[in-house]
C-alpha atoms as a PDB file:
ATOM      1  CA  MET A   1      34.139 -61.644  21.769  1.00  0.00           C
ATOM      2  CA  ILE A   2      31.184 -61.015  19.466  1.00  0.00           C
ATOM      3  CA  ALA A   3      29.217 -64.251  18.841  1.00  0.00           C
ATOM      4  CA  ILE A   4      25.878 -65.323  17.258  1.00  0.00           C
ATOM      5  CA  ALA A   5      23.323 -67.987  17.648  1.00  0.00           C
ATOM      6  CA  PRO A   6      21.182 -68.072  14.534  1.00  0.00           C
ATOM      7  CA  ASP A   7      18.398 -70.211  15.838  1.00  0.00           C
ATOM      8  CA  ARG A   8      17.936 -68.245  19.233  1.00  0.00           C
ATOM      9  CA  PRO A   9      17.782 -64.627  20.272  1.00  0.00           C
ATOM     10  CA  LEU A  10      21.083 -63.713  22.435  1.00  0.00           C
ATOM     11  CA  GLU A  11      18.764 -62.986  25.544  1.00  0.00           C
ATOM     12  CA  GLN A  12      17.674 -66.508  25.334  1.00  0.00           C
ATOM     13  CA  ILE A  13      21.100 -67.939  25.485  1.00  0.00           C
ATOM     14  CA  ARG A  14      22.164 -65.758  28.320  1.00  0.00           C
ATOM     15  CA  ALA A  15      18.969 -66.432  30.222  1.00  0.00           C
ATOM     16  CA  ARG A  16      19.503 -70.037  30.049  1.00  0.00           C
ATOM     17  CA  ASP A  17      23.126 -69.827  31.226  1.00  0.00           C
ATOM     18  CA  PRO A  18      23.814 -66.282  33.012  1.00  0.00           C
ATOM     19  CA  ALA A  19      27.338 -67.418  34.153  1.00  0.00           C
ATOM     20  CA  ARG A  20      28.439 -67.875  30.499  1.00  0.00           C
ATOM     21  CA  LYS A  21      31.363 -65.778  29.836  1.00  0.00           C
ATOM     22  CA  ARG A  22      30.735 -65.727  26.028  1.00  0.00           C
ATOM     23  CA  ASP A  23      28.222 -66.806  23.530  1.00  0.00           C
ATOM     24  CA  PRO A  24      28.700 -70.240  21.991  1.00  0.00           C
ATOM     25  CA  VAL A  25      29.380 -69.340  18.284  1.00  0.00           C
ATOM     26  CA  GLU A  26      32.294 -67.025  17.376  1.00  0.00           C
ATOM     27  CA  LEU A  27      32.262 -64.855  14.159  1.00  0.00           C
ATOM     28  CA  PRO A  28      34.741 -66.224  11.855  1.00  0.00           C
ATOM     29  CA  GLU A  29      35.991 -62.930  10.935  1.00  0.00           C
ATOM     30  CA  ILE A  30      37.267 -62.407  14.452  1.00  0.00           C
ATOM     31  CA  ALA A  31      39.021 -65.918  14.696  1.00  0.00           C
ATOM     32  CA  GLN A  32      40.647 -65.035  11.211  1.00  0.00           C
ATOM     33  CA  ARG A  33      41.857 -61.776  12.476  1.00  0.00           C
ATOM     34  CA  GLU A  34      43.796 -63.381  15.295  1.00  0.00           C
ATOM     35  CA  GLN A  35      45.614 -65.456  12.666  1.00  0.00           C
ATOM     36  CA  ILE A  36      46.833 -62.902  10.450  1.00  0.00           C
ATOM     37  CA  ASP A  37      50.662 -63.325   9.464  1.00  0.00           C
ATOM     38  CA  PRO A  38      51.828 -59.664   9.166  1.00  0.00           C
ATOM     39  CA  VAL A  39      55.069 -60.846   7.426  1.00  0.00           C
ATOM     40  CA  GLY A  40      53.042 -62.886   4.955  1.00  0.00           C
ATOM     41  CA  GLU A  41      50.673 -59.960   4.175  1.00  0.00           C
ATOM     42  CA  VAL A  42      53.643 -57.644   3.393  1.00  0.00           C
ATOM     43  CA  MET A  43      54.999 -60.217   0.995  1.00  0.00           C
ATOM     44  CA  ILE A  44      51.708 -60.826  -0.720  1.00  0.00           C
ATOM     45  CA  SER A  45      51.550 -57.098  -1.083  1.00  0.00           C
ATOM     46  CA  GLY A  46      54.919 -57.080  -2.650  1.00  0.00           C
ATOM     47  CA  LEU A  47      53.976 -59.975  -4.979  1.00  0.00           C
ATOM     48  CA  ARG A  48      50.935 -57.990  -6.178  1.00  0.00           C
ATOM     49  CA  ALA A  49      53.117 -55.102  -6.811  1.00  0.00           C
ATOM     50  CA  ILE A  50      55.437 -57.153  -8.881  1.00  0.00           C
ATOM     51  CA  ALA A  51      52.538 -58.544 -10.912  1.00  0.00           C
ATOM     52  CA  ALA A  52      51.112 -55.170 -11.462  1.00  0.00           C
ATOM     53  CA  LEU A  53      54.423 -53.617 -12.610  1.00  0.00           C
ATOM     54  CA  LYS A  54      55.172 -56.770 -14.753  1.00  0.00           C
ATOM     55  CA  GLU A  55      58.534 -56.887 -13.506  1.00  0.00           C
ATOM     56  CA  SER A  56      59.839 -60.169 -14.965  1.00  0.00           C
ATOM     57  CA  ALA A  57      63.410 -59.724 -13.721  1.00  0.00           C
ATOM     58  CA  LEU A  58      62.081 -60.969 -10.193  1.00  0.00           C
ATOM     59  CA  SER A  59      60.490 -64.238 -11.660  1.00  0.00           C
ATOM     60  CA  ASP A  60      63.519 -66.470 -10.010  1.00  0.00           C
ATOM     61  CA  PRO A  61      62.723 -65.172  -6.406  1.00  0.00           C
ATOM     62  CA  VAL A  62      58.975 -65.321  -6.971  1.00  0.00           C
ATOM     63  CA  LYS A  63      59.362 -68.852  -8.256  1.00  0.00           C
ATOM     64  CA  ALA A  64      61.391 -69.748  -4.904  1.00  0.00           C
ATOM     65  CA  LEU A  65      58.720 -68.379  -2.863  1.00  0.00           C
ATOM     66  CA  SER A  66      55.938 -70.182  -4.902  1.00  0.00           C
ATOM     67  CA  GLN A  67      57.764 -73.581  -4.024  1.00  0.00           C
ATOM     68  CA  ASN A  68      59.494 -72.946  -0.844  1.00  0.00           C
ATOM     69  CA  ASP A  69      57.488 -70.283   1.474  1.00  0.00           C
ATOM     70  CA  SER A  70      55.926 -71.827   4.740  1.00  0.00           C
ATOM     71  CA  ASN A  71      52.925 -69.471   4.357  1.00  0.00           C
ATOM     72  CA  LEU A  72      50.383 -71.087   2.026  1.00  0.00           C
ATOM     73  CA  LYS A  73      48.802 -67.823   1.073  1.00  0.00           C
ATOM     74  CA  VAL A  74      52.204 -66.520   0.019  1.00  0.00           C
ATOM     75  CA  ARG A  75      52.909 -69.612  -2.101  1.00  0.00           C
ATOM     76  CA  GLN A  76      49.611 -68.861  -3.852  1.00  0.00           C
ATOM     77  CA  ALA A  77      50.029 -65.319  -4.460  1.00  0.00           C
ATOM     78  CA  ALA A  78      53.695 -66.185  -5.833  1.00  0.00           C
ATOM     79  CA  THR A  79      51.942 -68.818  -8.117  1.00  0.00           C
ATOM     80  CA  GLU A  80      49.509 -66.057  -9.336  1.00  0.00           C
ATOM     81  CA  THR A  81      52.311 -63.533  -9.779  1.00  0.00           C
ATOM     82  CA  LEU A  82      54.279 -65.944 -12.019  1.00  0.00           C
ATOM     83  CA  LYS A  83      51.243 -66.637 -14.179  1.00  0.00           C
ATOM     84  CA  SER A  84      50.753 -62.837 -14.589  1.00  0.00           C
ATOM     85  CA  LEU A  85      54.519 -62.403 -15.617  1.00  0.00           C
ATOM     86  CA  GLY A  86      54.005 -65.174 -18.262  1.00  0.00           C
END
């Protein structure tokens, strides 16, 4: 894992505890990458496509996603898609 310690150089941290397997602070980008929901990302891409195409015929399923999907990011994307459909 990549880590940072903003107040001290990495060498000082390792010198203090040479048995340490990882550094004390993990980068948030790496932690977020481990939590990505691939199905949710595909659904969000689909919602963006619906918004870009102004496909109002799909507003009912989009509304259902905005209210019932377990993934908060999908619900937010569905809500934004509904706003763009008018």
